[in-house]
């Protein structure tokens, strides 16, 4: 049995009251989509997940903090020959994603309703072909910057699970988040490929991006290579 590390969690897990339909998605759909063996209770030895069994040998992509799920579902529909696993601790976002999965009819997804660090614990080495970090919590106060995903605590495990040559995409509307990403991500073993105001050719705009644009904040897109 592996000793469980102490991990602070700073984000929200619950928001406004779920609609009855969203409660139904959680009760009826999440069990089938949730990968077994991520939680410490199910897998205290932290055995690696069998991704081949989950996705039939397809390349695996990872979305960290999928928000309301627009990007994840759009990518699953666009790339049916890829398996996408997403982590999101905010249960309202999980419920939103499940509704979108039903509407889109996609089946190449797995959903971890919890901390991405627990998921990365059990992903096999070099198993992820592409990673996404879209509009992560900016934690704008300087004393909270250590809570951002682009820190050694998160990027070290991410580097371990990403395959050589794998692409890691970051989208944010916070200039200081861009600054920190440009400092921390290369230090974790990634190479900067591109950065700028133009999104990727297959980028589906999300509600977080639309909010940023309405409020006058410019999106920024960064691509790194493992």
Protein backbone atom coordinates (compact mmCIF):
# COMPACT_ATOMS: atom_id res chain seq x y z
CA UNK A 1 0.00 0.00 0.00
CA UNK A 2 1.32 3.45 -0.94
CA UNK A 3 1.16 6.19 1.67
CA UNK A 4 -1.39 8.78 0.62
CA UNK A 5 0.24 12.21 0.25
CA UNK A 6 -1.26 15.24 1.92
CA UNK A 7 -2.72 17.49 -0.76
CA UNK A 8 -4.44 20.78 -0.20
CA UNK A 9 -7.39 21.45 -2.47
CA UNK A 10 -8.37 25.08 -2.96
CA UNK A 11 -11.06 25.11 -5.64
CA UNK A 12 -14.82 24.71 -5.38
CA UNK A 13 -16.40 21.26 -5.45
CA UNK A 14 -20.03 22.38 -5.46
CA UNK A 15 -21.89 25.38 -6.85
CA UNK A 16 -25.56 26.22 -7.19
CA UNK A 17 -28.17 23.53 -6.74
CA UNK A 18 -28.20 21.02 -9.57
CA UNK A 19 -31.26 20.74 -11.80
CA UNK A 20 -33.15 17.43 -11.65
CA UNK A 21 -31.85 16.52 -15.10
CA UNK A 22 -28.26 17.09 -13.97
CA UNK A 23 -28.81 14.94 -10.89
CA UNK A 24 -30.08 12.27 -13.25
CA UNK A 25 -26.93 12.47 -15.39
CA UNK A 26 -24.77 11.99 -12.30
CA UNK A 27 -26.85 9.08 -11.03
CA UNK A 28 -27.28 7.31 -14.36
CA UNK A 29 -24.17 8.09 -16.45
CA UNK A 30 -21.19 8.90 -14.26
CA UNK A 31 -20.71 5.37 -12.94
CA UNK A 32 -20.20 4.01 -16.45
CA UNK A 33 -17.83 6.79 -17.49
CA UNK A 34 -15.76 7.05 -14.32
CA UNK A 35 -12.47 5.11 -14.56
CA UNK A 36 -12.10 2.56 -11.77
CA UNK A 37 -8.90 2.66 -9.80
CA UNK A 38 -8.31 6.41 -9.53
CA UNK A 39 -9.56 6.90 -5.99
CA UNK A 40 -7.32 5.93 -3.10
CA UNK A 41 -10.10 3.82 -1.62
CA UNK A 42 -10.34 1.70 -4.76
CA UNK A 43 -6.62 1.56 -5.46
CA UNK A 44 -4.41 2.22 -2.41
CA UNK A 45 -1.47 0.51 -4.15
CA UNK A 46 -1.78 3.06 -7.00
CA UNK A 47 -1.66 0.44 -9.72
CA UNK A 48 -1.59 2.00 -13.21
CA UNK A 49 -4.85 2.18 -15.12
CA UNK A 50 -5.34 -0.21 -18.02
CA UNK A 51 -5.85 2.39 -20.74
CA UNK A 52 -5.90 -0.22 -23.49
CA UNK A 53 -8.91 -1.84 -21.86
CA UNK A 54 -10.59 1.55 -21.41
CA UNK A 55 -10.09 2.86 -24.93
CA UNK A 56 -9.35 -0.18 -27.07
CA UNK A 57 -5.76 0.77 -27.79
CA UNK A 58 -6.59 4.24 -29.10
CA UNK A 59 -4.22 7.15 -28.39
CA UNK A 60 -5.12 8.82 -25.09
CA UNK A 61 -5.58 12.54 -24.54
CA UNK A 62 -5.94 14.23 -21.16
CA UNK A 63 -7.97 17.33 -20.30
CA UNK A 64 -7.18 18.92 -16.94
CA UNK A 65 -10.13 20.82 -15.51
CA UNK A 66 -12.71 20.48 -18.30
CA UNK A 67 -15.05 23.14 -16.91
CA UNK A 68 -18.46 22.71 -18.53
CA UNK A 69 -17.15 20.14 -21.01
CA UNK A 70 -17.58 22.02 -24.32
CA UNK A 71 -14.00 21.47 -25.44
CA UNK A 72 -13.82 17.86 -24.31
CA UNK A 73 -17.01 16.81 -26.09
CA UNK A 74 -16.14 18.73 -29.25
CA UNK A 75 -12.75 17.03 -29.40
CA UNK A 76 -14.28 13.60 -28.77
CA UNK A 77 -16.72 14.15 -31.65
CA UNK A 78 -14.02 15.47 -33.98
CA UNK A 79 -11.53 12.71 -33.16
CA UNK A 80 -13.46 9.45 -32.65
CA UNK A 81 -10.26 7.40 -32.99
CA UNK A 82 -8.84 8.97 -29.81
CA UNK A 83 -9.76 8.26 -26.18
CA UNK A 84 -10.07 11.35 -23.97
CA UNK A 85 -9.96 11.28 -20.20
CA UNK A 86 -10.82 14.42 -18.26
CA UNK A 87 -10.53 15.45 -14.62
CA UNK A 88 -12.76 18.05 -12.97
CA UNK A 89 -13.51 18.33 -9.23
CA UNK A 90 -16.39 20.82 -9.64
CA UNK A 91 -19.46 18.59 -9.61
CA UNK A 92 -21.64 21.14 -11.43
CA UNK A 93 -19.17 21.07 -14.32
CA UNK A 94 -19.22 17.27 -14.30
CA UNK A 95 -23.01 17.31 -14.54
CA UNK A 96 -22.85 19.78 -17.44
CA UNK A 97 -20.36 17.56 -19.25
CA UNK A 98 -22.54 14.49 -18.83
CA UNK A 99 -25.47 16.31 -20.38
CA UNK A 100 -23.32 17.32 -23.35
CA UNK A 101 -22.08 13.73 -23.76
CA UNK A 102 -25.69 12.52 -23.95
CA UNK A 103 -26.60 15.18 -26.49
CA UNK A 104 -23.55 14.53 -28.69
CA UNK A 105 -23.71 10.74 -28.45
CA UNK A 106 -19.94 10.39 -28.09
CA UNK A 107 -18.53 7.31 -26.38
CA UNK A 108 -14.74 7.79 -26.45
CA UNK A 109 -14.56 9.60 -23.11
CA UNK A 110 -13.76 8.84 -19.48
CA UNK A 111 -14.57 11.22 -16.63
CA UNK A 112 -12.74 11.55 -13.32
CA UNK A 113 -14.86 13.75 -11.01
CA UNK A 114 -11.97 14.80 -8.80
CA UNK A 115 -8.44 16.09 -8.45
CA UNK A 116 -6.26 15.71 -11.55
CA UNK A 117 -3.33 14.82 -9.29
CA UNK A 118 -5.07 11.61 -8.21
CA UNK A 119 -5.65 10.73 -11.85
CA UNK A 120 -2.04 11.40 -12.82
CA UNK A 121 -0.91 9.16 -9.96
CA UNK A 122 -2.32 6.15 -11.81
CA UNK A 123 -1.78 7.03 -15.45
CA UNK A 124 1.05 4.89 -16.86
CA UNK A 125 4.36 6.49 -17.77
CA UNK A 126 4.43 8.12 -21.22
CA UNK A 127 0.81 7.13 -21.90
CA UNK A 128 -0.73 10.47 -22.90
CA UNK A 129 -0.39 11.71 -26.47
CA UNK A 130 -1.89 15.19 -25.94
CA UNK A 131 -2.80 17.30 -22.93
CA UNK A 132 -5.08 20.30 -22.53
CA UNK A 133 -5.23 23.02 -19.87
CA UNK A 134 -7.98 25.43 -20.89
CA UNK A 135 -8.72 28.57 -18.92
CA UNK A 136 -7.49 27.21 -15.59
CA UNK A 137 -8.29 28.97 -12.32
CA UNK A 138 -6.06 32.07 -12.50
CA UNK A 139 -5.53 32.52 -8.75
CA UNK A 140 -4.74 36.19 -9.41
CA UNK A 141 -3.32 37.16 -6.02
CA UNK A 142 0.47 36.79 -5.86
CA UNK A 143 0.32 34.79 -2.63
CA UNK A 144 -1.91 32.25 -4.39
CA UNK A 145 0.25 31.69 -7.49
CA UNK A 146 1.55 28.46 -5.98
CA UNK A 147 -1.98 27.08 -6.32
CA UNK A 148 -1.90 27.37 -10.11
CA UNK A 149 -1.56 24.22 -12.17
CA UNK A 150 1.62 25.49 -13.81
CA UNK A 151 3.77 24.68 -10.78
CA UNK A 152 6.24 21.88 -10.13
CA UNK A 153 3.72 19.92 -8.03
CA UNK A 154 1.47 19.44 -11.06
CA UNK A 155 3.85 19.70 -13.99
CA UNK A 156 6.21 16.99 -12.73
CA UNK A 157 3.50 14.30 -12.74
CA UNK A 158 2.18 15.63 -16.06
CA UNK A 159 5.62 15.31 -17.64
CA UNK A 160 5.85 11.72 -16.39
CA UNK A 161 2.59 10.62 -17.99
CA UNK A 162 3.05 12.40 -21.32
CA UNK A 163 4.79 10.53 -24.11
CA UNK A 164 7.94 11.89 -25.77
CA UNK A 165 6.80 14.30 -28.46
CA UNK A 166 3.33 14.70 -26.93
CA UNK A 167 1.68 18.10 -27.27
CA UNK A 168 0.56 20.14 -24.26
CA UNK A 169 -1.81 23.02 -25.00
CA UNK A 170 -2.55 25.89 -22.61
CA UNK A 171 -5.25 28.52 -23.17
CA UNK A 172 -5.67 31.46 -20.80
CA UNK A 173 -6.73 35.10 -20.78
CA UNK A 174 -4.49 36.06 -17.84
CA UNK A 175 -1.15 37.65 -18.85
CA UNK A 176 0.55 36.66 -15.60
CA UNK A 177 -0.56 33.06 -16.11
CA UNK A 178 1.16 33.18 -19.50
CA UNK A 179 4.29 34.51 -17.81
CA UNK A 180 4.31 31.71 -15.24
CA UNK A 181 3.57 29.03 -17.83
CA UNK A 182 6.47 30.21 -19.98
CA UNK A 183 8.76 29.94 -16.96
CA UNK A 184 7.52 26.75 -15.34
CA UNK A 185 6.42 24.45 -18.17
CA UNK A 186 9.82 24.36 -19.97
CA UNK A 187 11.53 23.80 -16.62
CA UNK A 188 9.40 20.67 -16.18
CA UNK A 189 10.68 19.07 -19.38
CA UNK A 190 8.66 20.67 -22.17
CA UNK A 191 9.72 22.73 -25.17
CA UNK A 192 7.77 25.80 -26.26
CA UNK A 193 6.49 25.32 -29.81
CA UNK A 194 4.28 28.37 -30.26
CA UNK A 195 2.50 31.17 -28.42
CA UNK A 196 0.18 33.94 -29.48
CA UNK A 197 -3.34 35.21 -29.98
CA UNK A 198 -4.35 32.76 -32.71
CA UNK A 199 -6.10 29.59 -31.50
CA UNK A 200 -5.40 26.12 -32.81
CA UNK A 201 -7.12 25.14 -36.07
CA UNK A 202 -9.39 22.68 -34.25
CA UNK A 203 -10.10 24.91 -31.24
CA UNK A 204 -13.78 25.04 -30.19
CA UNK A 205 -14.36 28.25 -28.28
CA UNK A 206 -15.60 27.68 -24.71
CA UNK A 207 -17.94 29.63 -22.48
CA UNK A 208 -14.94 30.76 -20.42
CA UNK A 209 -13.32 32.19 -23.52
CA UNK A 210 -16.51 33.94 -24.56
CA UNK A 211 -16.76 35.49 -21.10
CA UNK A 212 -13.16 36.71 -21.35
CA UNK A 213 -13.86 38.31 -24.72
CA UNK A 214 -17.01 40.02 -23.43
CA UNK A 215 -15.04 41.43 -20.52
CA UNK A 216 -12.22 42.68 -22.74
CA UNK A 217 -9.53 40.12 -21.91
CA UNK A 218 -7.47 38.76 -24.78
CA UNK A 219 -7.06 34.96 -25.04
CA UNK A 220 -3.56 33.56 -25.35
CA UNK A 221 -2.64 30.12 -26.66
CA UNK A 222 0.56 28.24 -25.88
CA UNK A 223 1.77 24.96 -27.32
CA UNK A 224 4.52 22.90 -25.71
CA UNK A 225 6.12 19.62 -26.73
CA UNK A 226 7.22 16.95 -24.26
